[in-house]
Amino acid sequence: MKLAWITDIHLNFVDFDTKQKFYESLFVNAIDAIAISGDIDEALTLSNTLIEMTRHILKPIYFVLGNHDYYRGSVTGLRNEIKALCKKTSQLHWLPESQEIELTKSTALIGEDCWADGRYGDYASSQVVLNDSHMIKELYQGNKLGKYQLLEVMQKFADFDANRLKGNLELAVSKQEIEKVIVLIHVPPFKESCMYEGKISGDDYLPFFSSKATGDVLLEVAKKNPKIEFLVLCGHTHSKSYYNPLSNLVVKAGISEYRYPKIQEIIEV
């Protein structure tokens, strides 16, 4: 089976011809399914874009949502919309609601959106302000009240997603035949996975580009299951990275550029 991993394609910035060429590239490579680690579009047009993708690609699409997918909307509202869409569109699978996808008898796919949680780097001193705090309803409301109220909202979402990821990971590894788990997330789970121009991001940016809560869950589950291989695929930073914190845990972040969607990697499972 060939699984095409793509991330941060931001199709709201892409013209029709570029989209067509991108969709065609998936046929040329004879893939069996697609895994998207977030930042597909924006909230107002995401559902239409996902439907468009199903009509052109004609393969199962497994995905998580990134921060940009929630732009011009709310976390609660968009999640309800995407859950309803996936229920009536069999080709689409939002992984947080799917628990576990059996790619083969020995390989499972799970996923969670995950959020930056301000726990790496120096949130207190950072002067960084992302569009998230203006473009996503819940983060905007937190930011209006103050810097630490925004952090509270970020950590609320990050911890919820990390806890749900832990439950789905534990469910996947409980099956005796499982030898490998592919984990799809959006935000890098370790600061070592959060790169910019070949270096780990600075302490001012790390709070907004990494999720310690997610990393802690991955380390815990991987340590308890040393015979199972865990491959984590993420995006968000638009910079490529490879991090191997444990012998059985590998984290890859994809490289991307606005207006140039591409396949990151074709994974044989």
C-alpha atoms as a PDB file:
ATOM      1  CA  MET A   1       0.000   0.000   0.000  1.00  0.00           C
ATOM      2  CA  LYS A   2       1.224   3.510  -0.864  1.00  0.00           C
ATOM      3  CA  LEU A   3       0.277   6.330   1.508  1.00  0.00           C
ATOM      4  CA  ALA A   4       0.994   9.865   0.253  1.00  0.00           C
ATOM      5  CA  TRP A   5       1.812  12.295   3.056  1.00  0.00           C
ATOM      6  CA  ILE A   6       1.076  15.968   2.374  1.00  0.00           C
ATOM      7  CA  THR A   7       1.013  18.953   4.701  1.00  0.00           C
ATOM      8  CA  ASP A   8       0.403  22.708   4.782  1.00  0.00           C
ATOM      9  CA  ILE A   9      -0.934  22.833   1.243  1.00  0.00           C
ATOM     10  CA  HIS A  10      -3.026  25.997   1.918  1.00  0.00           C
ATOM     11  CA  LEU A  11      -5.246  25.493  -1.125  1.00  0.00           C
ATOM     12  CA  ASN A  12      -7.015  28.815  -0.513  1.00  0.00           C
ATOM     13  CA  PHE A  13      -3.885  30.469  -1.953  1.00  0.00           C
ATOM     14  CA  VAL A  14      -3.720  28.197  -4.999  1.00  0.00           C
ATOM     15  CA  ASP A  15      -5.203  28.828  -8.460  1.00  0.00           C
ATOM     16  CA  PHE A  16      -7.217  26.185 -10.301  1.00  0.00           C
ATOM     17  CA  ASP A  17      -4.440  25.094 -12.672  1.00  0.00           C
ATOM     18  CA  THR A  18      -2.008  24.548  -9.812  1.00  0.00           C
ATOM     19  CA  LYS A  19      -4.617  22.524  -7.951  1.00  0.00           C
ATOM     20  CA  GLN A  20      -5.188  20.363 -11.020  1.00  0.00           C
ATOM     21  CA  LYS A  21      -1.482  19.638 -11.392  1.00  0.00           C
ATOM     22  CA  PHE A  22      -1.268  18.796  -7.702  1.00  0.00           C
ATOM     23  CA  TYR A  23      -4.200  16.385  -7.893  1.00  0.00           C
ATOM     24  CA  GLU A  24      -2.711  14.795 -11.006  1.00  0.00           C
ATOM     25  CA  SER A  25       0.591  14.192  -9.200  1.00  0.00           C
ATOM     26  CA  LEU A  26      -1.240  11.879  -6.843  1.00  0.00           C
ATOM     27  CA  PHE A  27      -2.426   9.770  -9.777  1.00  0.00           C
ATOM     28  CA  VAL A  28       0.999   9.667 -11.413  1.00  0.00           C
ATOM     29  CA  ASN A  29       2.444   8.169  -8.248  1.00  0.00           C
ATOM     30  CA  ALA A  30      -0.302   5.518  -8.059  1.00  0.00           C
ATOM     31  CA  ILE A  31      -1.044   6.157  -4.391  1.00  0.00           C
ATOM     32  CA  ASP A  32      -3.703   4.215  -2.484  1.00  0.00           C
ATOM     33  CA  ALA A  33      -4.570   6.823   0.152  1.00  0.00           C
ATOM     34  CA  ILE A  34      -3.668  10.327   1.289  1.00  0.00           C
ATOM     35  CA  ALA A  35      -2.641  11.551   4.749  1.00  0.00           C
ATOM     36  CA  ILE A  36      -2.790  15.312   5.369  1.00  0.00           C
ATOM     37  CA  SER A  37      -1.215  16.784   8.502  1.00  0.00           C
ATOM     38  CA  GLY A  38      -3.252  19.991   8.517  1.00  0.00           C
ATOM     39  CA  ASP A  39      -3.491  23.480   7.017  1.00  0.00           C
ATOM     40  CA  ILE A  40      -5.608  22.503   4.033  1.00  0.00           C
ATOM     41  CA  ASP A  41      -7.653  25.717   3.658  1.00  0.00           C
ATOM     42  CA  GLU A  42      -9.602  28.113   5.916  1.00  0.00           C
ATOM     43  CA  ALA A  43     -12.835  27.531   7.832  1.00  0.00           C
ATOM     44  CA  LEU A  44     -15.259  29.209   5.421  1.00  0.00           C
ATOM     45  CA  THR A  45     -14.173  27.133   2.425  1.00  0.00           C
ATOM     46  CA  LEU A  46     -12.603  24.010   3.973  1.00  0.00           C
ATOM     47  CA  SER A  47     -15.598  21.718   3.470  1.00  0.00           C
ATOM     48  CA  ASN A  48     -15.923  22.694  -0.205  1.00  0.00           C
ATOM     49  CA  THR A  49     -12.210  22.114  -0.725  1.00  0.00           C
ATOM     50  CA  LEU A  50     -12.351  18.680   0.886  1.00  0.00           C
ATOM     51  CA  ILE A  51     -15.302  17.729  -1.332  1.00  0.00           C
ATOM     52  CA  GLU A  52     -13.396  18.999  -4.365  1.00  0.00           C
ATOM     53  CA  MET A  53     -10.445  16.829  -3.379  1.00  0.00           C
ATOM     54  CA  THR A  54     -12.619  13.723  -3.158  1.00  0.00           C
ATOM     55  CA  ARG A  55     -13.950  14.348  -6.680  1.00  0.00           C
ATOM     56  CA  HIS A  56     -10.490  14.705  -8.194  1.00  0.00           C
ATOM     57  CA  ILE A  57      -8.475  12.201  -6.182  1.00  0.00           C
ATOM     58  CA  LEU A  58     -10.951   9.311  -5.750  1.00  0.00           C
ATOM     59  CA  LYS A  59      -8.932   7.809  -2.889  1.00  0.00           C
ATOM     60  CA  PRO A  60      -9.425   7.717   0.894  1.00  0.00           C
ATOM     61  CA  ILE A  61      -8.328  10.989   2.489  1.00  0.00           C
ATOM     62  CA  TYR A  62      -7.170  10.800   6.102  1.00  0.00           C
ATOM     63  CA  PHE A  63      -6.568  14.194   7.681  1.00  0.00           C
ATOM     64  CA  VAL A  64      -6.156  16.337  10.748  1.00  0.00           C
ATOM     65  CA  LEU A  65      -6.780  20.060  10.929  1.00  0.00           C
ATOM     66  CA  GLY A  66      -4.162  22.774  11.386  1.00  0.00           C
ATOM     67  CA  ASN A  67      -4.456  26.220  12.917  1.00  0.00           C
ATOM     68  CA  HIS A  68      -5.068  27.853   9.505  1.00  0.00           C
ATOM     69  CA  ASP A  69      -8.015  25.537   8.873  1.00  0.00           C
ATOM     70  CA  TYR A  70      -9.779  27.275  11.776  1.00  0.00           C
ATOM     71  CA  TYR A  71      -9.123  30.813  10.457  1.00  0.00           C
ATOM     72  CA  ARG A  72     -12.286  32.927  10.098  1.00  0.00           C
ATOM     73  CA  GLY A  73     -14.171  30.406  12.206  1.00  0.00           C
ATOM     74  CA  SER A  74     -14.320  28.763  15.599  1.00  0.00           C
ATOM     75  CA  VAL A  75     -12.784  25.528  16.834  1.00  0.00           C
ATOM     76  CA  THR A  76     -16.104  24.171  18.094  1.00  0.00           C
ATOM     77  CA  GLY A  77     -18.057  25.228  15.019  1.00  0.00           C
ATOM     78  CA  LEU A  78     -15.603  23.862  12.466  1.00  0.00           C
ATOM     79  CA  ARG A  79     -15.145  20.564  14.271  1.00  0.00           C
ATOM     80  CA  ASN A  80     -18.890  20.002  14.286  1.00  0.00           C
ATOM     81  CA  GLU A  81     -19.045  20.864  10.583  1.00  0.00           C
ATOM     82  CA  ILE A  82     -16.210  18.487   9.670  1.00  0.00           C
ATOM     83  CA  LYS A  83     -17.655  15.651  11.752  1.00  0.00           C
ATOM     84  CA  ALA A  84     -20.961  16.010   9.889  1.00  0.00           C
ATOM     85  CA  LEU A  85     -19.204  16.174   6.518  1.00  0.00           C
ATOM     86  CA  CYS A  86     -17.228  12.988   7.163  1.00  0.00           C
ATOM     87  CA  LYS A  87     -20.349  11.124   8.248  1.00  0.00           C
ATOM     88  CA  LYS A  88     -21.944  11.710   4.847  1.00  0.00           C
ATOM     89  CA  THR A  89     -18.752  11.448   2.750  1.00  0.00           C
ATOM     90  CA  SER A  90     -17.212   7.992   3.085  1.00  0.00           C
ATOM     91  CA  GLN A  91     -13.984   9.009   1.382  1.00  0.00           C
ATOM     92  CA  LEU A  92     -13.143  11.579   4.080  1.00  0.00           C
ATOM     93  CA  HIS A  93     -11.755  10.602   7.473  1.00  0.00           C
ATOM     94  CA  TRP A  94     -11.029  13.243  10.126  1.00  0.00           C
ATOM     95  CA  LEU A  95      -8.695  11.145  12.246  1.00  0.00           C
ATOM     96  CA  PRO A  96      -9.572  12.475  15.729  1.00  0.00           C
ATOM     97  CA  GLU A  97     -13.047  11.016  15.211  1.00  0.00           C
ATOM     98  CA  SER A  98     -11.827   7.822  13.529  1.00  0.00           C
ATOM     99  CA  GLN A  99      -9.840   6.500  16.534  1.00  0.00           C
ATOM    100  CA  GLU A 100      -7.776   4.098  14.424  1.00  0.00           C
ATOM    101  CA  ILE A 101      -7.436   3.218  10.746  1.00  0.00           C
ATOM    102  CA  GLU A 102      -6.064  -0.229   9.917  1.00  0.00           C
ATOM    103  CA  LEU A 103      -3.806   0.332   6.905  1.00  0.00           C
ATOM    104  CA  THR A 104      -2.557  -3.258   7.071  1.00  0.00           C
ATOM    105  CA  LYS A 105      -2.820  -6.001   9.691  1.00  0.00           C
ATOM    106  CA  SER A 106       0.379  -4.721  11.313  1.00  0.00           C
ATOM    107  CA  THR A 107       0.158  -0.955  10.651  1.00  0.00           C
ATOM    108  CA  ALA A 108      -2.321   1.485  12.155  1.00  0.00           C
ATOM    109  CA  LEU A 109      -2.926   5.160  11.372  1.00  0.00           C
ATOM    110  CA  ILE A 110      -4.201   7.571  14.010  1.00  0.00           C
ATOM    111  CA  GLY A 111      -4.228  11.343  14.223  1.00  0.00           C
ATOM    112  CA  GLU A 112      -5.056  14.442  16.203  1.00  0.00           C
ATOM    113  CA  ASP A 113      -5.015  18.145  15.329  1.00  0.00           C
ATOM    114  CA  CYS A 114      -2.909  19.175  18.374  1.00  0.00           C
ATOM    115  CA  TRP A 115      -2.202  22.771  19.337  1.00  0.00           C
ATOM    116  CA  ALA A 116       0.828  24.814  20.293  1.00  0.00           C
ATOM    117  CA  ASP A 117       0.788  25.062  24.082  1.00  0.00           C
ATOM    118  CA  GLY A 118       3.375  27.673  25.072  1.00  0.00           C
ATOM    119  CA  ARG A 119       5.337  25.209  27.195  1.00  0.00           C
ATOM    120  CA  TYR A 120       8.546  25.259  25.154  1.00  0.00           C
ATOM    121  CA  GLY A 121      10.525  28.454  24.825  1.00  0.00           C
ATOM    122  CA  ASP A 122       9.804  31.637  26.792  1.00  0.00           C
ATOM    123  CA  TYR A 123       6.147  32.570  26.492  1.00  0.00           C
ATOM    124  CA  ALA A 124       6.401  35.225  29.209  1.00  0.00           C
ATOM    125  CA  SER A 125       9.005  37.280  27.341  1.00  0.00           C
ATOM    126  CA  SER A 126       7.888  36.555  23.783  1.00  0.00           C
ATOM    127  CA  GLN A 127       6.655  39.472  21.697  1.00  0.00           C
ATOM    128  CA  VAL A 128       5.406  37.184  18.924  1.00  0.00           C
ATOM    129  CA  VAL A 129       1.757  37.638  17.924  1.00  0.00           C
ATOM    130  CA  LEU A 130       0.353  35.115  15.452  1.00  0.00           C
ATOM    131  CA  ASN A 131      -2.740  35.642  13.322  1.00  0.00           C
ATOM    132  CA  ASP A 132      -4.303  32.757  15.264  1.00  0.00           C
ATOM    133  CA  SER A 133      -5.201  35.150  18.081  1.00  0.00           C
ATOM    134  CA  HIS A 134      -7.109  37.371  15.631  1.00  0.00           C
ATOM    135  CA  MET A 135      -8.524  34.804  13.200  1.00  0.00           C
ATOM    136  CA  ILE A 136      -9.808  31.974  15.438  1.00  0.00           C
ATOM    137  CA  LYS A 137     -12.824  32.867  17.584  1.00  0.00           C
ATOM    138  CA  GLU A 138     -11.822  31.181  20.848  1.00  0.00           C
ATOM    139  CA  LEU A 139      -8.220  32.413  20.684  1.00  0.00           C
ATOM    140  CA  TYR A 140      -9.383  35.925  19.801  1.00  0.00           C
ATOM    141  CA  GLN A 141     -11.677  35.975  22.827  1.00  0.00           C
ATOM    142  CA  GLY A 142      -8.838  34.809  25.074  1.00  0.00           C
ATOM    143  CA  ASN A 143      -6.408  37.324  23.629  1.00  0.00           C
ATOM    144  CA  LYS A 144      -8.839  40.190  24.238  1.00  0.00           C
ATOM    145  CA  LEU A 145      -8.670  39.411  27.958  1.00  0.00           C
ATOM    146  CA  GLY A 146      -4.868  39.257  28.051  1.00  0.00           C
ATOM    147  CA  LYS A 147      -1.723  37.341  27.194  1.00  0.00           C
ATOM    148  CA  TYR A 148      -2.149  34.689  29.855  1.00  0.00           C
ATOM    149  CA  GLN A 149      -5.820  34.203  29.090  1.00  0.00           C
ATOM    150  CA  LEU A 150      -4.757  33.428  25.516  1.00  0.00           C
ATOM    151  CA  LEU A 151      -2.233  30.920  26.858  1.00  0.00           C
ATOM    152  CA  GLU A 152      -4.982  29.308  28.927  1.00  0.00           C
ATOM    153  CA  VAL A 153      -7.090  28.778  25.794  1.00  0.00           C
ATOM    154  CA  MET A 154      -4.106  27.395  23.854  1.00  0.00           C
ATOM    155  CA  GLN A 155      -3.310  24.926  26.623  1.00  0.00           C
ATOM    156  CA  LYS A 156      -6.941  23.914  27.005  1.00  0.00           C
ATOM    157  CA  PHE A 157      -7.085  22.839  23.359  1.00  0.00           C
ATOM    158  CA  ALA A 158      -3.592  21.312  23.433  1.00  0.00           C
ATOM    159  CA  ASP A 159      -4.300  19.235  26.530  1.00  0.00           C
ATOM    160  CA  PHE A 160      -7.681  18.050  25.264  1.00  0.00           C
ATOM    161  CA  ASP A 161      -6.155  16.878  21.982  1.00  0.00           C
ATOM    162  CA  ALA A 162      -3.154  15.288  23.724  1.00  0.00           C
ATOM    163  CA  ASN A 163      -5.417  13.326  26.054  1.00  0.00           C
ATOM    164  CA  ARG A 164      -7.556  12.097  23.168  1.00  0.00           C
ATOM    165  CA  LEU A 165      -4.405  11.154  21.247  1.00  0.00           C
ATOM    166  CA  LYS A 166      -3.195   9.145  24.234  1.00  0.00           C
ATOM    167  CA  GLY A 167      -6.439   7.187  24.349  1.00  0.00           C
ATOM    168  CA  ASN A 168      -6.335   6.400  20.638  1.00  0.00           C
ATOM    169  CA  LEU A 169      -2.653   5.431  20.819  1.00  0.00           C
ATOM    170  CA  GLU A 170      -3.331   3.057  23.685  1.00  0.00           C
ATOM    171  CA  LEU A 171      -6.216   1.540  21.761  1.00  0.00           C
ATOM    172  CA  ALA A 172      -4.012   1.018  18.683  1.00  0.00           C
ATOM    173  CA  VAL A 173      -1.123  -0.629  20.537  1.00  0.00           C
ATOM    174  CA  SER A 174      -3.460  -2.923  22.473  1.00  0.00           C
ATOM    175  CA  LYS A 175      -3.881  -5.073  19.358  1.00  0.00           C
ATOM    176  CA  GLN A 176      -1.378  -7.918  19.367  1.00  0.00           C
ATOM    177  CA  GLU A 177      -0.639  -7.834  15.634  1.00  0.00           C
ATOM    178  CA  ILE A 178       0.322  -4.131  15.553  1.00  0.00           C
ATOM    179  CA  GLU A 179       3.989  -3.523  14.730  1.00  0.00           C
ATOM    180  CA  LYS A 180       3.850   0.090  13.523  1.00  0.00           C
ATOM    181  CA  VAL A 181       1.711   3.132  14.273  1.00  0.00           C
ATOM    182  CA  ILE A 182       1.725   6.177  11.994  1.00  0.00           C
ATOM    183  CA  VAL A 183       0.654   9.282  13.909  1.00  0.00           C
ATOM    184  CA  LEU A 184      -0.591  12.324  12.010  1.00  0.00           C
ATOM    185  CA  ILE A 185      -0.534  15.661  13.884  1.00  0.00           C
ATOM    186  CA  HIS A 186      -0.164  19.311  12.872  1.00  0.00           C
ATOM    187  CA  VAL A 187       2.069  20.955  15.466  1.00  0.00           C
ATOM    188  CA  PRO A 188       5.576  19.560  16.143  1.00  0.00           C
ATOM    189  CA  PRO A 189       5.649  17.721  19.481  1.00  0.00           C
ATOM    190  CA  PHE A 190       9.258  18.537  20.409  1.00  0.00           C
ATOM    191  CA  LYS A 191      11.346  21.678  20.159  1.00  0.00           C
ATOM    192  CA  GLU A 192      13.910  19.635  18.199  1.00  0.00           C
ATOM    193  CA  SER A 193      11.234  19.152  15.521  1.00  0.00           C
ATOM    194  CA  CYS A 194      10.506  22.857  15.344  1.00  0.00           C
ATOM    195  CA  MET A 195      13.043  24.181  12.844  1.00  0.00           C
ATOM    196  CA  TYR A 196      13.571  27.468  11.049  1.00  0.00           C
ATOM    197  CA  GLU A 197      16.337  27.962   8.489  1.00  0.00           C
ATOM    198  CA  GLY A 198      18.077  24.818   9.670  1.00  0.00           C
ATOM    199  CA  LYS A 199      18.062  25.680  13.373  1.00  0.00           C
ATOM    200  CA  ILE A 200      15.704  25.042  16.262  1.00  0.00           C
ATOM    201  CA  SER A 201      13.300  27.970  16.541  1.00  0.00           C
ATOM    202  CA  GLY A 202      14.139  30.625  19.112  1.00  0.00           C
ATOM    203  CA  ASP A 203      12.530  30.853  22.531  1.00  0.00           C
ATOM    204  CA  ASP A 204      10.211  33.623  21.331  1.00  0.00           C
ATOM    205  CA  TYR A 205       8.667  31.449  18.572  1.00  0.00           C
ATOM    206  CA  LEU A 206       8.751  28.003  20.207  1.00  0.00           C
ATOM    207  CA  PRO A 207       5.677  28.668  22.395  1.00  0.00           C
ATOM    208  CA  PHE A 208       3.551  29.034  19.245  1.00  0.00           C
ATOM    209  CA  PHE A 209       5.117  26.325  17.077  1.00  0.00           C
ATOM    210  CA  SER A 210       5.425  23.300  19.359  1.00  0.00           C
ATOM    211  CA  SER A 211       3.241  21.176  21.623  1.00  0.00           C
ATOM    212  CA  LYS A 212       4.896  19.734  24.719  1.00  0.00           C
ATOM    213  CA  ALA A 213       1.656  18.087  25.805  1.00  0.00           C
ATOM    214  CA  THR A 214       1.678  16.033  22.598  1.00  0.00           C
ATOM    215  CA  GLY A 215       5.359  15.180  22.927  1.00  0.00           C
ATOM    216  CA  ASP A 216       4.895  13.938  26.483  1.00  0.00           C
ATOM    217  CA  VAL A 217       2.125  11.577  25.353  1.00  0.00           C
ATOM    218  CA  LEU A 218       4.216  10.208  22.478  1.00  0.00           C
ATOM    219  CA  LEU A 219       7.212   9.558  24.742  1.00  0.00           C
ATOM    220  CA  GLU A 220       5.075   7.856  27.369  1.00  0.00           C
ATOM    221  CA  VAL A 221       3.348   5.482  24.973  1.00  0.00           C
ATOM    222  CA  ALA A 222       6.493   4.727  22.938  1.00  0.00           C
ATOM    223  CA  LYS A 223       8.489   3.904  26.081  1.00  0.00           C
ATOM    224  CA  LYS A 224       5.783   1.500  27.243  1.00  0.00           C
ATOM    225  CA  ASN A 225       5.744  -0.253  23.848  1.00  0.00           C
ATOM    226  CA  PRO A 226       9.397  -0.647  22.780  1.00  0.00           C
ATOM    227  CA  LYS A 227       8.608  -3.346  20.199  1.00  0.00           C
ATOM    228  CA  ILE A 228       6.251  -1.083  18.258  1.00  0.00           C
ATOM    229  CA  GLU A 229       7.572   1.482  15.775  1.00  0.00           C
ATOM    230  CA  PHE A 230       6.025   4.966  15.950  1.00  0.00           C
ATOM    231  CA  LEU A 231       6.283   7.326  12.970  1.00  0.00           C
ATOM    232  CA  VAL A 232       4.969  10.837  13.631  1.00  0.00           C
ATOM    233  CA  LEU A 233       4.207  13.164  10.692  1.00  0.00           C
ATOM    234  CA  CYS A 234       3.572  16.858  11.290  1.00  0.00           C
ATOM    235  CA  GLY A 235       3.732  20.293   9.664  1.00  0.00           C
ATOM    236  CA  HIS A 236       3.014  23.846  10.851  1.00  0.00           C
ATOM    237  CA  THR A 237       6.568  25.256  10.658  1.00  0.00           C
ATOM    238  CA  HIS A 238       6.897  24.860   6.853  1.00  0.00           C
ATOM    239  CA  SER A 239      10.446  23.617   7.575  1.00  0.00           C
ATOM    240  CA  LYS A 240      11.771  20.088   7.213  1.00  0.00           C
ATOM    241  CA  SER A 241      13.030  18.255  10.285  1.00  0.00           C
ATOM    242  CA  TYR A 242      13.840  14.744  11.445  1.00  0.00           C
ATOM    243  CA  TYR A 243      14.030  13.865  15.130  1.00  0.00           C
ATOM    244  CA  ASN A 244      14.577  10.444  16.696  1.00  0.00           C
ATOM    245  CA  PRO A 245      14.140  10.826  20.482  1.00  0.00           C
ATOM    246  CA  LEU A 246      13.736   7.077  21.074  1.00  0.00           C
ATOM    247  CA  SER A 247      14.865   4.029  19.127  1.00  0.00           C
ATOM    248  CA  ASN A 248      11.231   3.314  18.224  1.00  0.00           C
ATOM    249  CA  LEU A 249      10.010   6.921  17.801  1.00  0.00           C
ATOM    250  CA  VAL A 250      10.684   9.080  14.728  1.00  0.00           C
ATOM    251  CA  VAL A 251       9.192  12.531  14.139  1.00  0.00           C
ATOM    252  CA  LYS A 252       9.187  14.150  10.698  1.00  0.00           C
ATOM    253  CA  ALA A 253       8.041  17.688   9.896  1.00  0.00           C
ATOM    254  CA  GLY A 254       7.284  18.583   6.293  1.00  0.00           C
ATOM    255  CA  ILE A 255       8.639  21.466   4.246  1.00  0.00           C
ATOM    256  CA  SER A 256       6.111  23.603   2.395  1.00  0.00           C
ATOM    257  CA  GLU A 257       5.682  26.880   0.558  1.00  0.00           C
ATOM    258  CA  TYR A 258       2.541  28.897  -0.076  1.00  0.00           C
ATOM    259  CA  ARG A 259       1.083  28.367  -3.580  1.00  0.00           C
ATOM    260  CA  TYR A 260       3.219  25.278  -4.222  1.00  0.00           C
ATOM    261  CA  PRO A 261       1.423  22.230  -2.780  1.00  0.00           C
ATOM    262  CA  LYS A 262       3.357  18.998  -3.083  1.00  0.00           C
ATOM    263  CA  ILE A 263       3.716  15.443  -1.843  1.00  0.00           C
ATOM    264  CA  GLN A 264       6.097  15.236   1.098  1.00  0.00           C
ATOM    265  CA  GLU A 265       6.722  11.522   0.939  1.00  0.00           C
ATOM    266  CA  ILE A 266       5.169   8.312  -0.310  1.00  0.00           C
ATOM    267  CA  ILE A 267       5.187   5.785   2.505  1.00  0.00           C
ATOM    268  CA  GLU A 268       5.061   2.076   1.734  1.00  0.00           C
ATOM    269  CA  VAL A 269       3.049   0.165   4.321  1.00  0.00           C
END
